[in-house]
Amino acid sequence: MIDALRRAGLSRNPVASGRTDAGVHARMQVLSFRVVEPISTPELAERINAHLPPTMGIALAKEAPPHFNAHWRAELKEYRYRLVTADAPEWRAAAWAVGALDLDQLQKTLDLAVGTHDFYAFHDKSSVVRARTVRAIDVRERAGLVEVRLHGEGFGRYMVRYLIGGAVAVARGAWTREGFSEALSSGSSRERPEQLVRAPAQGLVLWSVDYPAADDPFTTEERERAAGVPSTPPFCAP
């Protein structure tokens, strides 16, 4: 990205709303940076995209309030994780093929994570240990494709993938909800249980990043329609 900005004639470095792991998709990653060059806002996306690989692109460029910071002003993030329980070839590269699952167990297990925890067992040790709040987790299923939607104020490194991996282990009968709950409440007093595996990266999408109304450069329609974003997996809804 930095190289593309330089080749597009932009001198300032961007601030991202957060980082995504290698192999994780982002439907709406937000960047903020100052433009000191004589380039119009509508022209920015086209100039930057000309220097990006085909797997990456700027969908929309908007002028933001002077105090806007893509990272520090973010107040809510939505991640979506896709699981394949039946044959769905179009989702093969954008979902985790898990086979049969008890979806009721999956939802009830993930419900345990809603609220405020330190999630110590559920994120990489490189992340700061602090309280994080998950506001909601919803499981939806359609034609063999399961979509898990997670809304939270912030997530540690690999946190979503460990939550999914642990819940899938319970839904497969390889772990218990009691074990999952104990891992949530153990804090830093014990190591990560062996049943708590990290879900593969390809099933995860950073779907949306929300900002306070006074700061948000994007309209509701721009968020929902996401013009410029492909309408194929993993960027389409099931």
C-alpha atoms as a PDB file:
ATOM      1  CA  MET A   1       0.000   0.000   0.000  1.00  0.00           C
ATOM      2  CA  ILE A   2       2.773   2.478   0.888  1.00  0.00           C
ATOM      3  CA  ASP A   3       4.442   1.820  -2.462  1.00  0.00           C
ATOM      4  CA  ALA A   4       1.138   2.370  -4.287  1.00  0.00           C
ATOM      5  CA  LEU A   5       0.607   5.691  -2.504  1.00  0.00           C
ATOM      6  CA  ARG A   6       4.071   6.876  -3.435  1.00  0.00           C
ATOM      7  CA  ARG A   7       3.652   5.858  -7.063  1.00  0.00           C
ATOM      8  CA  ALA A   8       0.305   7.662  -7.087  1.00  0.00           C
ATOM      9  CA  GLY A   9       2.096  10.844  -6.009  1.00  0.00           C
ATOM     10  CA  LEU A  10       1.005  10.883  -2.344  1.00  0.00           C
ATOM     11  CA  SER A  11       3.571  11.583   0.359  1.00  0.00           C
ATOM     12  CA  ARG A  12       1.759  10.892   3.658  1.00  0.00           C
ATOM     13  CA  ASN A  13       1.439   7.469   5.290  1.00  0.00           C
ATOM     14  CA  PRO A  14      -2.025   6.010   6.012  1.00  0.00           C
ATOM     15  CA  VAL A  15      -3.518   4.989   9.361  1.00  0.00           C
ATOM     16  CA  ALA A  16      -5.641   1.821   9.175  1.00  0.00           C
ATOM     17  CA  SER A  17      -8.647   1.035  11.351  1.00  0.00           C
ATOM     18  CA  GLY A  18      -6.771  -2.090  12.425  1.00  0.00           C
ATOM     19  CA  ARG A  19      -4.709  -4.923  11.096  1.00  0.00           C
ATOM     20  CA  THR A  20      -5.895  -8.118   9.452  1.00  0.00           C
ATOM     21  CA  ASP A  21      -4.017 -11.417   9.464  1.00  0.00           C
ATOM     22  CA  ALA A  22      -2.447 -12.808   6.317  1.00  0.00           C
ATOM     23  CA  GLY A  23      -5.162 -14.569   4.332  1.00  0.00           C
ATOM     24  CA  VAL A  24      -8.040 -12.676   5.959  1.00  0.00           C
ATOM     25  CA  HIS A  25     -10.339 -10.708   3.641  1.00  0.00           C
ATOM     26  CA  ALA A  26     -11.536  -7.150   4.214  1.00  0.00           C
ATOM     27  CA  ARG A  27     -14.706  -5.818   2.654  1.00  0.00           C
ATOM     28  CA  MET A  28     -14.354  -2.515   4.482  1.00  0.00           C
ATOM     29  CA  GLN A  29     -10.909  -1.641   5.750  1.00  0.00           C
ATOM     30  CA  VAL A  30     -10.749   2.075   6.479  1.00  0.00           C
ATOM     31  CA  LEU A  31      -7.612   4.167   5.931  1.00  0.00           C
ATOM     32  CA  SER A  32      -7.095   7.802   6.807  1.00  0.00           C
ATOM     33  CA  PHE A  33      -4.279  10.067   5.668  1.00  0.00           C
ATOM     34  CA  ARG A  34      -3.630  13.692   4.844  1.00  0.00           C
ATOM     35  CA  VAL A  35      -3.425  14.710   1.207  1.00  0.00           C
ATOM     36  CA  VAL A  36      -1.095  17.690   0.790  1.00  0.00           C
ATOM     37  CA  GLU A  37      -0.755  17.304  -2.980  1.00  0.00           C
ATOM     38  CA  PRO A  38      -3.096  19.034  -5.462  1.00  0.00           C
ATOM     39  CA  ILE A  39      -5.217  15.915  -6.068  1.00  0.00           C
ATOM     40  CA  SER A  40      -9.011  16.006  -5.922  1.00  0.00           C
ATOM     41  CA  THR A  41     -10.812  13.542  -3.655  1.00  0.00           C
ATOM     42  CA  PRO A  42     -12.729  11.820  -6.513  1.00  0.00           C
ATOM     43  CA  GLU A  43      -9.402  11.225  -8.259  1.00  0.00           C
ATOM     44  CA  LEU A  44      -7.716   9.492  -5.321  1.00  0.00           C
ATOM     45  CA  ALA A  45      -9.198   6.011  -5.651  1.00  0.00           C
ATOM     46  CA  GLU A  46      -8.471   5.749  -9.366  1.00  0.00           C
ATOM     47  CA  ARG A  47      -4.861   6.931  -8.960  1.00  0.00           C
ATOM     48  CA  ILE A  48      -4.107   4.550  -6.078  1.00  0.00           C
ATOM     49  CA  ASN A  49      -5.876   1.542  -7.649  1.00  0.00           C
ATOM     50  CA  ALA A  50      -3.704   1.864 -10.745  1.00  0.00           C
ATOM     51  CA  HIS A  51      -0.753   0.749  -8.603  1.00  0.00           C
ATOM     52  CA  LEU A  52      -2.411  -1.960  -6.486  1.00  0.00           C
ATOM     53  CA  PRO A  53      -2.574  -5.720  -7.225  1.00  0.00           C
ATOM     54  CA  PRO A  54      -5.921  -7.092  -8.490  1.00  0.00           C
ATOM     55  CA  THR A  55      -6.695  -8.615  -5.066  1.00  0.00           C
ATOM     56  CA  MET A  56      -6.735  -5.174  -3.413  1.00  0.00           C
ATOM     57  CA  GLY A  57      -8.484  -1.922  -4.175  1.00  0.00           C
ATOM     58  CA  ILE A  58      -9.808   1.398  -2.867  1.00  0.00           C
ATOM     59  CA  ALA A  59     -13.600   1.303  -3.247  1.00  0.00           C
ATOM     60  CA  LEU A  60     -14.345   4.842  -2.123  1.00  0.00           C
ATOM     61  CA  ALA A  61     -12.455   8.005  -1.144  1.00  0.00           C
ATOM     62  CA  LYS A  62     -14.212  10.614   0.986  1.00  0.00           C
ATOM     63  CA  GLU A  63     -13.140  13.818   2.684  1.00  0.00           C
ATOM     64  CA  ALA A  64     -13.286  13.319   6.464  1.00  0.00           C
ATOM     65  CA  PRO A  65     -13.493  15.789   9.381  1.00  0.00           C
ATOM     66  CA  PRO A  66     -10.081  17.276  10.293  1.00  0.00           C
ATOM     67  CA  HIS A  67      -9.836  15.294  13.542  1.00  0.00           C
ATOM     68  CA  PHE A  68     -10.779  11.932  11.949  1.00  0.00           C
ATOM     69  CA  ASN A  69      -8.441   8.999  12.635  1.00  0.00           C
ATOM     70  CA  ALA A  70      -9.372   5.619  11.134  1.00  0.00           C
ATOM     71  CA  HIS A  71      -7.917   3.710  14.089  1.00  0.00           C
ATOM     72  CA  TRP A  72      -8.575   5.783  17.180  1.00  0.00           C
ATOM     73  CA  ARG A  73     -12.082   6.953  16.256  1.00  0.00           C
ATOM     74  CA  ALA A  74     -13.428   3.481  15.389  1.00  0.00           C
ATOM     75  CA  GLU A  75     -16.130   2.437  17.862  1.00  0.00           C
ATOM     76  CA  LEU A  76     -17.465  -0.843  16.473  1.00  0.00           C
ATOM     77  CA  LYS A  77     -16.263  -3.550  14.087  1.00  0.00           C
ATOM     78  CA  GLU A  78     -18.186  -6.329  12.422  1.00  0.00           C
ATOM     79  CA  TYR A  79     -16.425  -9.518  11.383  1.00  0.00           C
ATOM     80  CA  ARG A  80     -18.079 -12.345   9.481  1.00  0.00           C
ATOM     81  CA  TYR A  81     -16.800 -15.903   9.463  1.00  0.00           C
ATOM     82  CA  ARG A  82     -18.055 -18.468   6.947  1.00  0.00           C
ATOM     83  CA  LEU A  83     -18.265 -22.231   7.554  1.00  0.00           C
ATOM     84  CA  VAL A  84     -19.200 -24.780   4.895  1.00  0.00           C
ATOM     85  CA  THR A  85     -21.195 -27.778   6.146  1.00  0.00           C
ATOM     86  CA  ALA A  86     -22.138 -29.124   2.705  1.00  0.00           C
ATOM     87  CA  ASP A  87     -20.728 -28.957  -0.799  1.00  0.00           C
ATOM     88  CA  ALA A  88     -20.388 -25.299  -1.849  1.00  0.00           C
ATOM     89  CA  PRO A  89     -17.608 -25.075  -4.471  1.00  0.00           C
ATOM     90  CA  GLU A  90     -17.946 -21.310  -4.953  1.00  0.00           C
ATOM     91  CA  TRP A  91     -17.052 -20.791  -1.278  1.00  0.00           C
ATOM     92  CA  ARG A  92     -14.141 -23.248  -1.166  1.00  0.00           C
ATOM     93  CA  ALA A  93     -11.457 -20.524  -1.044  1.00  0.00           C
ATOM     94  CA  ALA A  94     -13.443 -18.230   1.261  1.00  0.00           C
ATOM     95  CA  ALA A  95     -14.768 -20.519   4.002  1.00  0.00           C
ATOM     96  CA  TRP A  96     -13.752 -23.292   6.381  1.00  0.00           C
ATOM     97  CA  ALA A  97     -15.120 -26.697   5.346  1.00  0.00           C
ATOM     98  CA  VAL A  98     -16.150 -28.238   8.676  1.00  0.00           C
ATOM     99  CA  GLY A  99     -18.791 -30.814   7.762  1.00  0.00           C
ATOM    100  CA  ALA A 100     -21.826 -31.438   9.948  1.00  0.00           C
ATOM    101  CA  LEU A 101     -22.276 -29.138  12.960  1.00  0.00           C
ATOM    102  CA  ASP A 102     -24.768 -28.765  15.773  1.00  0.00           C
ATOM    103  CA  LEU A 103     -25.746 -25.169  15.011  1.00  0.00           C
ATOM    104  CA  ASP A 104     -27.675 -24.802  18.262  1.00  0.00           C
ATOM    105  CA  GLN A 105     -24.529 -25.705  20.183  1.00  0.00           C
ATOM    106  CA  LEU A 106     -22.497 -23.345  18.006  1.00  0.00           C
ATOM    107  CA  GLN A 107     -24.782 -20.392  18.826  1.00  0.00           C
ATOM    108  CA  LYS A 108     -25.055 -21.221  22.537  1.00  0.00           C
ATOM    109  CA  THR A 109     -21.289 -21.559  22.834  1.00  0.00           C
ATOM    110  CA  LEU A 110     -20.600 -18.261  21.089  1.00  0.00           C
ATOM    111  CA  ASP A 111     -23.252 -16.586  23.272  1.00  0.00           C
ATOM    112  CA  LEU A 112     -20.887 -17.203  26.194  1.00  0.00           C
ATOM    113  CA  ALA A 113     -18.392 -14.808  24.602  1.00  0.00           C
ATOM    114  CA  VAL A 114     -20.851 -11.912  24.444  1.00  0.00           C
ATOM    115  CA  GLY A 115     -19.986  -9.319  27.071  1.00  0.00           C
ATOM    116  CA  THR A 116     -16.732  -8.061  28.528  1.00  0.00           C
ATOM    117  CA  HIS A 117     -13.806 -10.432  29.113  1.00  0.00           C
ATOM    118  CA  ASP A 118     -10.034 -10.249  28.815  1.00  0.00           C
ATOM    119  CA  PHE A 119     -10.185 -13.118  26.249  1.00  0.00           C
ATOM    120  CA  TYR A 120      -6.653 -14.113  27.302  1.00  0.00           C
ATOM    121  CA  ALA A 121      -6.975 -17.673  26.000  1.00  0.00           C
ATOM    122  CA  PHE A 122      -8.578 -16.465  22.795  1.00  0.00           C
ATOM    123  CA  HIS A 123      -5.961 -14.156  21.335  1.00  0.00           C
ATOM    124  CA  ASP A 124      -2.273 -14.239  20.487  1.00  0.00           C
ATOM    125  CA  LYS A 125       0.074 -13.381  23.313  1.00  0.00           C
ATOM    126  CA  SER A 126       1.403 -10.469  21.238  1.00  0.00           C
ATOM    127  CA  SER A 127      -1.884  -8.636  21.859  1.00  0.00           C
ATOM    128  CA  VAL A 128      -2.257  -6.452  24.941  1.00  0.00           C
ATOM    129  CA  VAL A 129      -4.187  -8.196  27.718  1.00  0.00           C
ATOM    130  CA  ARG A 130      -7.142  -5.938  28.519  1.00  0.00           C
ATOM    131  CA  ALA A 131     -10.899  -6.053  28.777  1.00  0.00           C
ATOM    132  CA  ARG A 132     -12.649  -6.241  25.418  1.00  0.00           C
ATOM    133  CA  THR A 133     -16.385  -6.125  24.780  1.00  0.00           C
ATOM    134  CA  VAL A 134     -18.216  -8.286  22.255  1.00  0.00           C
ATOM    135  CA  ARG A 135     -21.708  -6.860  21.775  1.00  0.00           C
ATOM    136  CA  ALA A 136     -23.372  -9.588  19.727  1.00  0.00           C
ATOM    137  CA  ILE A 137     -22.697 -12.846  17.872  1.00  0.00           C
ATOM    138  CA  ASP A 138     -25.278 -14.258  15.453  1.00  0.00           C
ATOM    139  CA  VAL A 139     -25.194 -17.580  13.615  1.00  0.00           C
ATOM    140  CA  ARG A 140     -27.056 -17.825  10.287  1.00  0.00           C
ATOM    141  CA  GLU A 141     -27.334 -20.799   7.951  1.00  0.00           C
ATOM    142  CA  ARG A 142     -28.426 -21.134   4.351  1.00  0.00           C
ATOM    143  CA  ALA A 143     -27.968 -24.050   1.989  1.00  0.00           C
ATOM    144  CA  GLY A 144     -24.949 -25.537   3.721  1.00  0.00           C
ATOM    145  CA  LEU A 145     -23.188 -22.235   4.357  1.00  0.00           C
ATOM    146  CA  VAL A 146     -23.029 -20.968   7.946  1.00  0.00           C
ATOM    147  CA  GLU A 147     -22.213 -17.316   8.569  1.00  0.00           C
ATOM    148  CA  VAL A 148     -21.183 -16.107  12.013  1.00  0.00           C
ATOM    149  CA  ARG A 149     -21.481 -12.341  12.530  1.00  0.00           C
ATOM    150  CA  LEU A 150     -19.477 -10.858  15.382  1.00  0.00           C
ATOM    151  CA  HIS A 151     -19.861  -7.248  16.563  1.00  0.00           C
ATOM    152  CA  GLY A 152     -17.374  -5.801  19.014  1.00  0.00           C
ATOM    153  CA  GLU A 153     -15.560  -2.680  20.096  1.00  0.00           C
ATOM    154  CA  GLY A 154     -12.186  -4.265  19.398  1.00  0.00           C
ATOM    155  CA  PHE A 155     -10.607  -7.681  18.878  1.00  0.00           C
ATOM    156  CA  GLY A 156      -7.170  -9.017  19.798  1.00  0.00           C
ATOM    157  CA  ARG A 157      -4.935 -10.716  17.281  1.00  0.00           C
ATOM    158  CA  TYR A 158      -6.490 -14.033  16.125  1.00  0.00           C
ATOM    159  CA  MET A 159      -9.326 -13.504  18.645  1.00  0.00           C
ATOM    160  CA  VAL A 160     -12.188 -14.049  16.199  1.00  0.00           C
ATOM    161  CA  ARG A 161     -10.480 -17.126  14.773  1.00  0.00           C
ATOM    162  CA  TYR A 162      -9.947 -18.664  18.230  1.00  0.00           C
ATOM    163  CA  LEU A 163     -13.562 -17.965  19.201  1.00  0.00           C
ATOM    164  CA  ILE A 164     -14.765 -19.677  16.025  1.00  0.00           C
ATOM    165  CA  GLY A 165     -12.298 -22.546  16.381  1.00  0.00           C
ATOM    166  CA  GLY A 166     -13.337 -23.215  19.977  1.00  0.00           C
ATOM    167  CA  ALA A 167     -17.060 -23.001  19.211  1.00  0.00           C
ATOM    168  CA  VAL A 168     -16.692 -25.346  16.217  1.00  0.00           C
ATOM    169  CA  ALA A 169     -14.909 -27.870  18.460  1.00  0.00           C
ATOM    170  CA  VAL A 170     -17.936 -27.785  20.791  1.00  0.00           C
ATOM    171  CA  ALA A 171     -20.408 -28.023  17.890  1.00  0.00           C
ATOM    172  CA  ARG A 172     -18.535 -31.081  16.602  1.00  0.00           C
ATOM    173  CA  GLY A 173     -18.600 -32.757  20.013  1.00  0.00           C
ATOM    174  CA  ALA A 174     -14.826 -32.520  20.457  1.00  0.00           C
ATOM    175  CA  TRP A 175     -15.072 -30.114  23.425  1.00  0.00           C
ATOM    176  CA  THR A 176     -17.650 -28.956  25.938  1.00  0.00           C
ATOM    177  CA  ARG A 177     -19.391 -25.647  26.509  1.00  0.00           C
ATOM    178  CA  GLU A 178     -18.161 -25.866  30.084  1.00  0.00           C
ATOM    179  CA  GLY A 179     -14.573 -26.033  28.814  1.00  0.00           C
ATOM    180  CA  PHE A 180     -15.164 -23.060  26.524  1.00  0.00           C
ATOM    181  CA  SER A 181     -16.687 -21.079  29.417  1.00  0.00           C
ATOM    182  CA  GLU A 182     -13.790 -21.976  31.701  1.00  0.00           C
ATOM    183  CA  ALA A 183     -11.309 -20.752  29.072  1.00  0.00           C
ATOM    184  CA  LEU A 184     -13.184 -17.426  28.964  1.00  0.00           C
ATOM    185  CA  SER A 185     -12.985 -16.990  32.730  1.00  0.00           C
ATOM    186  CA  SER A 186      -9.475 -18.337  33.365  1.00  0.00           C
ATOM    187  CA  GLY A 187      -7.696 -15.051  32.590  1.00  0.00           C
ATOM    188  CA  SER A 188      -3.915 -15.394  32.422  1.00  0.00           C
ATOM    189  CA  SER A 189      -3.819 -18.123  35.068  1.00  0.00           C
ATOM    190  CA  ARG A 190      -3.510 -21.031  32.638  1.00  0.00           C
ATOM    191  CA  GLU A 191      -2.416 -21.964  29.133  1.00  0.00           C
ATOM    192  CA  ARG A 192      -4.742 -22.225  26.147  1.00  0.00           C
ATOM    193  CA  PRO A 193      -6.647 -25.574  26.135  1.00  0.00           C
ATOM    194  CA  GLU A 194      -5.574 -27.936  23.359  1.00  0.00           C
ATOM    195  CA  GLN A 195      -9.152 -28.073  22.053  1.00  0.00           C
ATOM    196  CA  LEU A 196      -9.043 -24.352  21.391  1.00  0.00           C
ATOM    197  CA  VAL A 197      -7.771 -24.365  17.803  1.00  0.00           C
ATOM    198  CA  ARG A 198      -7.439 -21.327  15.567  1.00  0.00           C
ATOM    199  CA  ALA A 199      -9.868 -21.322  12.646  1.00  0.00           C
ATOM    200  CA  PRO A 200      -8.290 -20.883   9.185  1.00  0.00           C
ATOM    201  CA  ALA A 201      -7.814 -17.337   7.930  1.00  0.00           C
ATOM    202  CA  GLN A 202      -9.669 -17.675   4.618  1.00  0.00           C
ATOM    203  CA  GLY A 203     -13.096 -17.874   6.260  1.00  0.00           C
ATOM    204  CA  LEU A 204     -12.831 -14.471   7.942  1.00  0.00           C
ATOM    205  CA  VAL A 205     -13.915 -11.094   6.547  1.00  0.00           C
ATOM    206  CA  LEU A 206     -13.618  -7.679   8.161  1.00  0.00           C
ATOM    207  CA  TRP A 207     -17.093  -6.621   7.081  1.00  0.00           C
ATOM    208  CA  SER A 208     -17.563  -3.119   8.479  1.00  0.00           C
ATOM    209  CA  VAL A 209     -15.990  -0.474  10.708  1.00  0.00           C
ATOM    210  CA  ASP A 210     -18.300   2.042  12.383  1.00  0.00           C
ATOM    211  CA  TYR A 211     -17.531   5.529  13.673  1.00  0.00           C
ATOM    212  CA  PRO A 212     -19.438   8.080  15.766  1.00  0.00           C
ATOM    213  CA  ALA A 213     -22.037   9.900  13.655  1.00  0.00           C
ATOM    214  CA  ALA A 214     -20.167  13.183  13.924  1.00  0.00           C
ATOM    215  CA  ASP A 215     -16.997  11.598  12.530  1.00  0.00           C
ATOM    216  CA  ASP A 216     -18.259   9.009  10.064  1.00  0.00           C
ATOM    217  CA  PRO A 217     -17.374   9.949   6.452  1.00  0.00           C
ATOM    218  CA  PHE A 218     -19.682   7.240   5.051  1.00  0.00           C
ATOM    219  CA  THR A 219     -23.434   7.271   4.576  1.00  0.00           C
ATOM    220  CA  THR A 220     -25.620   4.266   5.395  1.00  0.00           C
ATOM    221  CA  GLU A 221     -26.148   3.602   1.691  1.00  0.00           C
ATOM    222  CA  GLU A 222     -22.399   3.701   0.996  1.00  0.00           C
ATOM    223  CA  ARG A 223     -21.831   1.147   3.749  1.00  0.00           C
ATOM    224  CA  GLU A 224     -24.574  -1.215   2.601  1.00  0.00           C
ATOM    225  CA  ARG A 225     -23.968  -1.034  -1.129  1.00  0.00           C
ATOM    226  CA  ALA A 226     -20.168  -0.829  -0.942  1.00  0.00           C
ATOM    227  CA  ALA A 227     -19.840   0.312  -4.552  1.00  0.00           C
ATOM    228  CA  GLY A 228     -16.624  -0.971  -6.078  1.00  0.00           C
ATOM    229  CA  VAL A 229     -16.474  -4.082  -3.889  1.00  0.00           C
ATOM    230  CA  PRO A 230     -16.884  -7.380  -5.806  1.00  0.00           C
ATOM    231  CA  SER A 231     -20.262  -9.107  -5.395  1.00  0.00           C
ATOM    232  CA  THR A 232     -18.671 -12.573  -5.341  1.00  0.00           C
ATOM    233  CA  PRO A 233     -17.471 -14.662  -2.334  1.00  0.00           C
ATOM    234  CA  PRO A 234     -16.318 -13.677   0.207  1.00  0.00           C
ATOM    235  CA  PHE A 235     -17.825 -10.187  -0.220  1.00  0.00           C
ATOM    236  CA  CYS A 236     -21.428 -11.207  -0.820  1.00  0.00           C
ATOM    237  CA  ALA A 237     -23.906 -12.332   1.819  1.00  0.00           C
ATOM    238  CA  PRO A 238     -24.878 -16.017   1.751  1.00  0.00           C
END
